[in-house]
C-alpha atoms as a PDB file:
ATOM      1  CA  MET A   1      74.094  94.460  80.005  1.00  0.00           C
ATOM      2  CA  THR A   2      71.005  96.676  79.865  1.00  0.00           C
ATOM      3  CA  MET A   3      68.003  95.884  82.079  1.00  0.00           C
ATOM      4  CA  ASP A   4      65.600  97.317  84.613  1.00  0.00           C
ATOM      5  CA  THR A   5      66.360  97.718  88.299  1.00  0.00           C
ATOM      6  CA  HIS A   6      64.542  94.563  89.394  1.00  0.00           C
ATOM      7  CA  GLN A   7      66.417  92.422  86.892  1.00  0.00           C
ATOM      8  CA  ALA A   8      69.715  93.951  88.002  1.00  0.00           C
ATOM      9  CA  ALA A   9      68.914  93.310  91.673  1.00  0.00           C
ATOM     10  CA  ASP A  10      68.026  89.700  90.920  1.00  0.00           C
ATOM     11  CA  LEU A  11      71.290  89.201  89.066  1.00  0.00           C
ATOM     12  CA  LEU A  12      73.348  90.586  91.941  1.00  0.00           C
ATOM     13  CA  LEU A  13      71.449  88.502  94.494  1.00  0.00           C
ATOM     14  CA  GLY A  14      72.101  85.483  92.283  1.00  0.00           C
ATOM     15  CA  ALA A  15      75.825  86.242  92.311  1.00  0.00           C
ATOM     16  CA  TYR A  16      75.785  86.067  96.134  1.00  0.00           C
ATOM     17  CA  ALA A  17      74.084  82.676  95.945  1.00  0.00           C
ATOM     18  CA  THR A  18      76.192  81.105  93.201  1.00  0.00           C
ATOM     19  CA  GLY A  19      79.547  82.798  93.756  1.00  0.00           C
ATOM     20  CA  VAL A  20      79.645  83.666  90.060  1.00  0.00           C
ATOM     21  CA  PRO A  21      80.173  87.376  89.292  1.00  0.00           C
ATOM     22  CA  VAL A  22      78.055  89.143  86.686  1.00  0.00           C
ATOM     23  CA  ASP A  23      79.049  91.355  83.786  1.00  0.00           C
ATOM     24  CA  PRO A  24      79.097  95.139  84.297  1.00  0.00           C
ATOM     25  CA  PHE A  25      75.796  96.909  83.824  1.00  0.00           C
ATOM     26  CA  GLN A  26      75.066  99.413  81.080  1.00  0.00           C
ATOM     27  CA  ASP A  27      72.864 102.495  80.984  1.00  0.00           C
ATOM     28  CA  LEU A  28      71.961 102.605  84.663  1.00  0.00           C
ATOM     29  CA  THR A  29      71.577 106.098  86.007  1.00  0.00           C
ATOM     30  CA  LEU A  30      72.840 106.886  89.508  1.00  0.00           C
ATOM     31  CA  GLU A  31      69.278 107.000  90.840  1.00  0.00           C
ATOM     32  CA  GLN A  32      68.553 103.636  89.213  1.00  0.00           C
ATOM     33  CA  ALA A  33      71.713 102.176  90.719  1.00  0.00           C
ATOM     34  CA  TYR A  34      70.641 103.241  94.236  1.00  0.00           C
ATOM     35  CA  ALA A  35      67.229 101.729  93.504  1.00  0.00           C
ATOM     36  CA  VAL A  36      68.947  98.428  92.637  1.00  0.00           C
ATOM     37  CA  GLN A  37      70.898  98.633  95.903  1.00  0.00           C
ATOM     38  CA  LEU A  38      67.751  99.325  97.922  1.00  0.00           C
ATOM     39  CA  ALA A  39      65.856  96.484  96.261  1.00  0.00           C
ATOM     40  CA  GLN A  40      68.519  94.073  97.547  1.00  0.00           C
ATOM     41  CA  VAL A  41      68.428  95.582 101.028  1.00  0.00           C
ATOM     42  CA  GLU A  42      64.651  95.224 101.147  1.00  0.00           C
ATOM     43  CA  ARG A  43      64.956  91.598 100.067  1.00  0.00           C
ATOM     44  CA  TRP A  44      67.513  90.931 102.811  1.00  0.00           C
ATOM     45  CA  GLN A  45      65.286  92.634 105.375  1.00  0.00           C
ATOM     46  CA  ARG A  46      62.336  90.445 104.364  1.00  0.00           C
ATOM     47  CA  ASP A  47      64.644  87.490 104.977  1.00  0.00           C
ATOM     48  CA  GLY A  48      65.220  88.695 108.575  1.00  0.00           C
ATOM     49  CA  ARG A  49      68.452  90.635 108.234  1.00  0.00           C
ATOM     50  CA  THR A  50      68.753  94.124 109.764  1.00  0.00           C
ATOM     51  CA  VAL A  51      70.609  97.273 108.757  1.00  0.00           C
ATOM     52  CA  LYS A  52      73.272  98.140 111.366  1.00  0.00           C
ATOM     53  CA  GLY A  53      74.827 101.138 109.621  1.00  0.00           C
ATOM     54  CA  HIS A  54      76.328 102.405 106.405  1.00  0.00           C
ATOM     55  CA  LYS A  55      79.632 102.626 104.585  1.00  0.00           C
ATOM     56  CA  VAL A  56      80.959 105.490 102.554  1.00  0.00           C
ATOM     57  CA  GLY A  57      83.033 104.646  99.487  1.00  0.00           C
ATOM     58  CA  LEU A  58      85.110 106.508  96.926  1.00  0.00           C
ATOM     59  CA  THR A  59      86.442 108.843  99.621  1.00  0.00           C
ATOM     60  CA  SER A  60      89.947 109.015  98.169  1.00  0.00           C
ATOM     61  CA  ALA A  61      90.729 111.494  95.417  1.00  0.00           C
ATOM     62  CA  ALA A  62      92.581 108.754  93.507  1.00  0.00           C
ATOM     63  CA  MET A  63      89.550 106.449  93.367  1.00  0.00           C
ATOM     64  CA  ARG A  64      87.237 109.275  92.340  1.00  0.00           C
ATOM     65  CA  ARG A  65      89.617 110.210  89.520  1.00  0.00           C
ATOM     66  CA  GLN A  66      89.798 106.565  88.456  1.00  0.00           C
ATOM     67  CA  LEU A  67      86.034 106.328  88.085  1.00  0.00           C
ATOM     68  CA  GLY A  68      85.652 109.873  86.782  1.00  0.00           C
ATOM     69  CA  VAL A  69      83.339 111.057  89.588  1.00  0.00           C
ATOM     70  CA  ASP A  70      83.333 114.011  91.962  1.00  0.00           C
ATOM     71  CA  ARG A  71      81.463 112.516  94.892  1.00  0.00           C
ATOM     72  CA  PRO A  72      81.557 109.505  97.248  1.00  0.00           C
ATOM     73  CA  ASP A  73      78.917 106.796  97.337  1.00  0.00           C
ATOM     74  CA  TYR A  74      77.326 104.800 100.111  1.00  0.00           C
ATOM     75  CA  GLY A  75      76.134 101.287 100.910  1.00  0.00           C
ATOM     76  CA  HIS A  76      74.297  99.453 103.700  1.00  0.00           C
ATOM     77  CA  LEU A  77      75.868  97.378 106.473  1.00  0.00           C
ATOM     78  CA  LEU A  78      73.752  94.365 107.404  1.00  0.00           C
ATOM     79  CA  ASP A  79      74.026  92.456 110.664  1.00  0.00           C
ATOM     80  CA  THR A  80      75.357  89.344 108.912  1.00  0.00           C
ATOM     81  CA  MET A  81      78.319  91.300 107.514  1.00  0.00           C
ATOM     82  CA  PHE A  82      80.032  91.796 110.911  1.00  0.00           C
ATOM     83  CA  HIS A  83      82.860  89.547 112.041  1.00  0.00           C
ATOM     84  CA  LEU A  84      84.678  89.380 115.361  1.00  0.00           C
ATOM     85  CA  ASP A  85      88.159  90.791 115.731  1.00  0.00           C
ATOM     86  CA  ALA A  86      90.817  88.068 115.103  1.00  0.00           C
ATOM     87  CA  ALA A  87      88.150  85.315 114.791  1.00  0.00           C
ATOM     88  CA  PRO A  88      88.385  83.024 111.756  1.00  0.00           C
ATOM     89  CA  ILE A  89      86.584  84.266 108.665  1.00  0.00           C
ATOM     90  CA  ASP A  90      85.563  81.931 105.841  1.00  0.00           C
ATOM     91  CA  ALA A  91      87.150  83.334 102.670  1.00  0.00           C
ATOM     92  CA  GLY A  92      84.783  81.134 100.711  1.00  0.00           C
ATOM     93  CA  ALA A  93      81.929  83.461 101.607  1.00  0.00           C
ATOM     94  CA  PHE A  94      83.350  86.112  99.254  1.00  0.00           C
ATOM     95  CA  LEU A  95      83.834  86.282  95.503  1.00  0.00           C
ATOM     96  CA  GLN A  96      86.930  88.515  95.045  1.00  0.00           C
ATOM     97  CA  PRO A  97      87.678  90.146  98.397  1.00  0.00           C
ATOM     98  CA  ARG A  98      89.921  93.046  99.214  1.00  0.00           C
ATOM     99  CA  ILE A  99      90.672  94.746 102.528  1.00  0.00           C
ATOM    100  CA  GLU A 100      90.541  98.413 103.561  1.00  0.00           C
ATOM    101  CA  PRO A 101      91.547  99.870 106.973  1.00  0.00           C
ATOM    102  CA  GLU A 102      89.102 102.424 108.339  1.00  0.00           C
ATOM    103  CA  ILE A 103      88.240 104.413 111.460  1.00  0.00           C
ATOM    104  CA  ALA A 104      84.676 103.404 112.294  1.00  0.00           C
ATOM    105  CA  PHE A 105      82.203 105.766 113.963  1.00  0.00           C
ATOM    106  CA  VAL A 106      79.550 104.458 116.350  1.00  0.00           C
ATOM    107  CA  LEU A 107      76.709 106.942 116.955  1.00  0.00           C
ATOM    108  CA  ARG A 108      75.242 107.749 120.374  1.00  0.00           C
ATOM    109  CA  ARG A 109      72.329 109.792 118.984  1.00  0.00           C
ATOM    110  CA  ASP A 110      70.329 109.994 115.801  1.00  0.00           C
ATOM    111  CA  LEU A 111      71.795 112.138 113.017  1.00  0.00           C
ATOM    112  CA  ALA A 112      69.363 113.500 110.468  1.00  0.00           C
ATOM    113  CA  GLY A 113      70.224 115.594 107.405  1.00  0.00           C
ATOM    114  CA  PRO A 114      70.127 117.672 105.364  1.00  0.00           C
ATOM    115  CA  GLY A 115      71.871 120.539 107.120  1.00  0.00           C
ATOM    116  CA  VAL A 116      74.200 118.438 109.295  1.00  0.00           C
ATOM    117  CA  THR A 117      77.403 120.344 110.145  1.00  0.00           C
ATOM    118  CA  ALA A 118      80.751 118.963 111.233  1.00  0.00           C
ATOM    119  CA  ALA A 119      79.952 120.115 114.802  1.00  0.00           C
ATOM    120  CA  ALA A 120      76.617 118.281 114.806  1.00  0.00           C
ATOM    121  CA  ALA A 121      78.218 115.151 113.396  1.00  0.00           C
ATOM    122  CA  ALA A 122      81.016 115.195 115.976  1.00  0.00           C
ATOM    123  CA  ALA A 123      78.475 115.603 118.790  1.00  0.00           C
ATOM    124  CA  ALA A 124      76.564 112.553 117.543  1.00  0.00           C
ATOM    125  CA  VAL A 125      79.580 110.223 117.739  1.00  0.00           C
ATOM    126  CA  ASP A 126      79.798 108.018 120.789  1.00  0.00           C
ATOM    127  CA  PHE A 127      83.181 106.391 120.096  1.00  0.00           C
ATOM    128  CA  VAL A 128      85.458 105.283 117.289  1.00  0.00           C
ATOM    129  CA  LEU A 129      86.927 101.881 116.584  1.00  0.00           C
ATOM    130  CA  PRO A 130      89.698 100.542 114.370  1.00  0.00           C
ATOM    131  CA  ALA A 131      88.040  98.624 111.543  1.00  0.00           C
ATOM    132  CA  LEU A 132      88.745  96.559 108.494  1.00  0.00           C
ATOM    133  CA  GLU A 133      86.207  96.601 105.701  1.00  0.00           C
ATOM    134  CA  ILE A 134      86.151  93.533 103.449  1.00  0.00           C
ATOM    135  CA  ILE A 135      85.147  94.966 100.133  1.00  0.00           C
ATOM    136  CA  ASP A 136      83.885  92.541  97.537  1.00  0.00           C
ATOM    137  CA  SER A 137      82.435  92.866  94.028  1.00  0.00           C
ATOM    138  CA  ARG A 138      79.699  90.858  92.418  1.00  0.00           C
ATOM    139  CA  ILE A 139      80.842  92.498  89.136  1.00  0.00           C
ATOM    140  CA  ARG A 140      83.263  90.375  87.141  1.00  0.00           C
ATOM    141  CA  ASP A 141      86.991  91.172  87.605  1.00  0.00           C
ATOM    142  CA  TRP A 142      86.211  94.400  89.497  1.00  0.00           C
ATOM    143  CA  LYS A 143      85.486  96.135  86.160  1.00  0.00           C
ATOM    144  CA  ILE A 144      83.211  98.676  87.806  1.00  0.00           C
ATOM    145  CA  THR A 145      81.837 102.068  87.038  1.00  0.00           C
ATOM    146  CA  LEU A 146      80.230 104.321  89.655  1.00  0.00           C
ATOM    147  CA  THR A 147      76.798 102.914  88.912  1.00  0.00           C
ATOM    148  CA  ASP A 148      78.075  99.325  89.057  1.00  0.00           C
ATOM    149  CA  THR A 149      79.502  99.735  92.565  1.00  0.00           C
ATOM    150  CA  VAL A 150      76.446 101.685  93.779  1.00  0.00           C
ATOM    151  CA  ALA A 151      74.091  99.010  92.525  1.00  0.00           C
ATOM    152  CA  ASP A 152      76.324  96.370  94.176  1.00  0.00           C
ATOM    153  CA  ASN A 153      75.837  97.942  97.624  1.00  0.00           C
ATOM    154  CA  ALA A 154      78.982 100.019  97.247  1.00  0.00           C
ATOM    155  CA  SER A 155      81.014  96.798  96.871  1.00  0.00           C
ATOM    156  CA  CYS A 156      80.517  95.923 100.537  1.00  0.00           C
ATOM    157  CA  GLY A 157      81.356  92.415 101.711  1.00  0.00           C
ATOM    158  CA  GLY A 158      82.013  92.424 105.460  1.00  0.00           C
ATOM    159  CA  VAL A 159      83.281  94.355 108.473  1.00  0.00           C
ATOM    160  CA  VAL A 160      85.655  93.564 111.320  1.00  0.00           C
ATOM    161  CA  LEU A 161      85.561  96.006 114.225  1.00  0.00           C
ATOM    162  CA  GLY A 162      88.251  96.330 116.849  1.00  0.00           C
ATOM    163  CA  SER A 163      87.325  95.597 120.452  1.00  0.00           C
ATOM    164  CA  THR A 164      88.489  98.808 122.203  1.00  0.00           C
ATOM    165  CA  PRO A 165      86.208 101.841 121.834  1.00  0.00           C
ATOM    166  CA  THR A 166      87.876 105.258 122.059  1.00  0.00           C
ATOM    167  CA  PRO A 167      86.019 108.560 122.664  1.00  0.00           C
ATOM    168  CA  PRO A 168      86.860 110.914 119.802  1.00  0.00           C
ATOM    169  CA  HIS A 169      87.228 114.013 121.966  1.00  0.00           C
ATOM    170  CA  GLY A 170      90.735 115.384 121.781  1.00  0.00           C
ATOM    171  CA  LEU A 171      91.716 113.143 118.872  1.00  0.00           C
ATOM    172  CA  ASP A 172      92.840 114.554 115.545  1.00  0.00           C
ATOM    173  CA  LEU A 173      91.516 111.762 113.298  1.00  0.00           C
ATOM    174  CA  ALA A 174      92.995 113.421 110.209  1.00  0.00           C
ATOM    175  CA  LEU A 175      96.465 112.852 111.631  1.00  0.00           C
ATOM    176  CA  THR A 176      95.755 109.384 113.055  1.00  0.00           C
ATOM    177  CA  GLY A 177      98.225 107.076 111.359  1.00  0.00           C
ATOM    178  CA  CYS A 178      97.714 103.438 110.331  1.00  0.00           C
ATOM    179  CA  LEU A 179     100.059 100.561 109.649  1.00  0.00           C
ATOM    180  CA  LEU A 180      98.490  97.859 107.453  1.00  0.00           C
ATOM    181  CA  SER A 181     100.151  94.452 107.610  1.00  0.00           C
ATOM    182  CA  VAL A 182      99.596  91.000 106.131  1.00  0.00           C
ATOM    183  CA  ASP A 183     100.905  88.075 108.197  1.00  0.00           C
ATOM    184  CA  GLY A 184     102.993  90.456 110.247  1.00  0.00           C
ATOM    185  CA  ARG A 185     104.617  92.229 107.274  1.00  0.00           C
ATOM    186  CA  ILE A 186     103.760  95.897 106.756  1.00  0.00           C
ATOM    187  CA  THR A 187     102.294  96.416 103.319  1.00  0.00           C
ATOM    188  CA  ASP A 188     101.009  99.998 103.457  1.00  0.00           C
ATOM    189  CA  THR A 189     100.642 103.055 105.664  1.00  0.00           C
ATOM    190  CA  GLY A 190      98.079 105.851 105.736  1.00  0.00           C
ATOM    191  CA  ALA A 191      96.313 108.417 107.858  1.00  0.00           C
ATOM    192  CA  GLY A 192      92.791 109.583 108.440  1.00  0.00           C
ATOM    193  CA  GLY A 193      93.301 112.652 106.278  1.00  0.00           C
ATOM    194  CA  ALA A 194      93.121 110.400 103.211  1.00  0.00           C
ATOM    195  CA  VAL A 195      89.346 110.253 103.809  1.00  0.00           C
ATOM    196  CA  LEU A 196      87.969 113.483 102.298  1.00  0.00           C
ATOM    197  CA  GLY A 197      90.560 115.423 104.309  1.00  0.00           C
ATOM    198  CA  HIS A 198      89.064 114.161 107.620  1.00  0.00           C
ATOM    199  CA  PRO A 199      86.917 111.067 108.352  1.00  0.00           C
ATOM    200  CA  LEU A 200      84.265 113.297 109.944  1.00  0.00           C
ATOM    201  CA  ASN A 201      83.662 114.872 106.548  1.00  0.00           C
ATOM    202  CA  ALA A 202      82.475 111.513 105.281  1.00  0.00           C
ATOM    203  CA  LEU A 203      80.004 111.222 108.153  1.00  0.00           C
ATOM    204  CA  VAL A 204      78.651 114.707 107.351  1.00  0.00           C
ATOM    205  CA  TRP A 205      78.327 113.819 103.677  1.00  0.00           C
ATOM    206  CA  LEU A 206      76.522 110.583 104.478  1.00  0.00           C
ATOM    207  CA  ALA A 207      74.051 112.147 106.935  1.00  0.00           C
ATOM    208  CA  ASN A 208      73.140 114.902 104.500  1.00  0.00           C
ATOM    209  CA  THR A 209      72.923 112.596 101.483  1.00  0.00           C
ATOM    210  CA  LEU A 210      70.723 110.120 103.310  1.00  0.00           C
ATOM    211  CA  GLY A 211      68.688 112.995 104.714  1.00  0.00           C
ATOM    212  CA  GLU A 212      67.764 114.041 101.201  1.00  0.00           C
ATOM    213  CA  ARG A 213      66.291 110.548 100.795  1.00  0.00           C
ATOM    214  CA  GLY A 214      64.412 110.667 104.091  1.00  0.00           C
ATOM    215  CA  VAL A 215      66.800 108.278 105.862  1.00  0.00           C
ATOM    216  CA  VAL A 216      68.103 108.990 109.376  1.00  0.00           C
ATOM    217  CA  LEU A 217      71.306 107.582 110.867  1.00  0.00           C
ATOM    218  CA  ARG A 218      70.262 106.005 114.163  1.00  0.00           C
ATOM    219  CA  ALA A 219      71.891 105.800 117.584  1.00  0.00           C
ATOM    220  CA  GLY A 220      74.066 102.679 117.668  1.00  0.00           C
ATOM    221  CA  ASP A 221      74.660 102.715 113.940  1.00  0.00           C
ATOM    222  CA  VAL A 222      78.172 101.927 112.648  1.00  0.00           C
ATOM    223  CA  VAL A 223      79.501 104.190 109.935  1.00  0.00           C
ATOM    224  CA  LEU A 224      82.579 103.297 107.926  1.00  0.00           C
ATOM    225  CA  PRO A 225      83.863 106.603 106.487  1.00  0.00           C
ATOM    226  CA  GLY A 226      86.340 105.219 103.938  1.00  0.00           C
ATOM    227  CA  SER A 227      89.776 103.684 103.693  1.00  0.00           C
ATOM    228  CA  VAL A 228      93.004 105.351 104.823  1.00  0.00           C
ATOM    229  CA  THR A 229      95.102 103.286 102.393  1.00  0.00           C
ATOM    230  CA  ALA A 230      94.637 101.614  99.035  1.00  0.00           C
ATOM    231  CA  ALA A 231      92.655  98.376  99.122  1.00  0.00           C
ATOM    232  CA  ILE A 232      94.711  95.181  99.092  1.00  0.00           C
ATOM    233  CA  PRO A 233      93.627  91.690  97.878  1.00  0.00           C
ATOM    234  CA  VAL A 234      93.208  89.045 100.564  1.00  0.00           C
ATOM    235  CA  ALA A 235      93.606  85.302 100.159  1.00  0.00           C
ATOM    236  CA  PRO A 236      92.836  82.210 102.267  1.00  0.00           C
ATOM    237  CA  GLY A 237      95.563  81.597 104.815  1.00  0.00           C
ATOM    238  CA  GLN A 238      96.263  85.288 105.415  1.00  0.00           C
ATOM    239  CA  ALA A 239      95.701  87.498 108.459  1.00  0.00           C
ATOM    240  CA  VAL A 240      95.422  91.237 107.847  1.00  0.00           C
ATOM    241  CA  THR A 241      95.959  93.691 110.725  1.00  0.00           C
ATOM    242  CA  ALA A 242      95.441  97.432 110.886  1.00  0.00           C
ATOM    243  CA  ALA A 243      97.156  99.216 113.783  1.00  0.00           C
ATOM    244  CA  PHE A 244      95.975 102.796 114.364  1.00  0.00           C
ATOM    245  CA  ALA A 245      97.918 105.251 116.507  1.00  0.00           C
ATOM    246  CA  GLY A 246      95.944 105.839 119.725  1.00  0.00           C
ATOM    247  CA  LEU A 247      93.093 103.545 118.684  1.00  0.00           C
ATOM    248  CA  GLY A 248      94.535 100.063 118.888  1.00  0.00           C
ATOM    249  CA  SER A 249      94.458  97.357 116.246  1.00  0.00           C
ATOM    250  CA  VAL A 250      92.039  95.045 114.482  1.00  0.00           C
ATOM    251  CA  THR A 251      92.654  91.785 112.622  1.00  0.00           C
ATOM    252  CA  ALA A 252      90.775  89.988 109.878  1.00  0.00           C
ATOM    253  CA  ASP A 253      91.871  86.368 110.048  1.00  0.00           C
ATOM    254  CA  PHE A 254      91.348  84.297 106.891  1.00  0.00           C
ATOM    255  CA  SER A 255      93.744  81.601 108.064  1.00  0.00           C
ATOM    256  CA  GLY A 256      90.986  79.113 108.734  1.00  0.00           C
ATOM    257  CA  GLY A 257      88.876  79.859 105.675  1.00  0.00           C
ATOM    258  CA  THR A 258      88.470  78.010 102.386  1.00  0.00           C
ATOM    259  CA  ALA A 259      89.345  79.371  99.018  1.00  0.00           C
ATOM    260  CA  SER A 260      87.358  82.390  97.890  1.00  0.00           C
ATOM    261  CA  ARG A 261      84.821  81.408  95.263  1.00  0.00           C
ATOM    262  CA  GLY A 262      85.779  84.007  92.698  1.00  0.00           C
ATOM    263  CA  GLY A 263      89.444  84.511  93.539  1.00  0.00           C
ATOM    264  CA  THR A 264      91.111  87.829  94.333  1.00  0.00           C
ATOM    265  CA  ALA A 265      91.403  90.676  91.915  1.00  0.00           C
END
């Protein structure tokens, strides 16, 4: 479909409300797609929600090749997207959810680009946490292009953070391994190096990209740098756990939820 940014934002907001995905967009430029994303964020903020951080997507080489792009993208994390570790999550709140294990950064100081280096980014991190991102798409059947996912807030749905913070000093996050399991059965493995070679690289990219738009990452913000494995579908009745070496584990528990409105993809 071809339309202006306000129409596209209204359609995506409608998908949240109805649980019915929309068709892929056509002819949106990347700048227009980010404008669609921001229009939704501004609407959510007017409704009383607050931005608590950002996510970085398309950090794996495989996903960038799949979409034919050479860069990551980003989305906003709102306060209502956060869920407690191992607490029941209503699967019915999502359209077509999938899960990604990530190493979350929590900032202890503001980080403003452009010009942020890896050293500056590392110095701004307070601690890291094991995390599970619930990605979701308001685009029908996950038939997304880069501009589709950018417009759709980088396909963000929710976040579960682990409960044990770990200072990053002395950790080699590129070598930090992860076991991803569903209902106690290991389904995939990965390591931090899958994220642009090192999760910190995603934080640097985000700070500098946002800085070009006049946006500063704030102390206390949560940053999800990208998944260490492929995303997996999640269904009602399942519990997904990511166990990270040296960081502990985190669980997204859909065992008490109702059926997802759009099904899994």
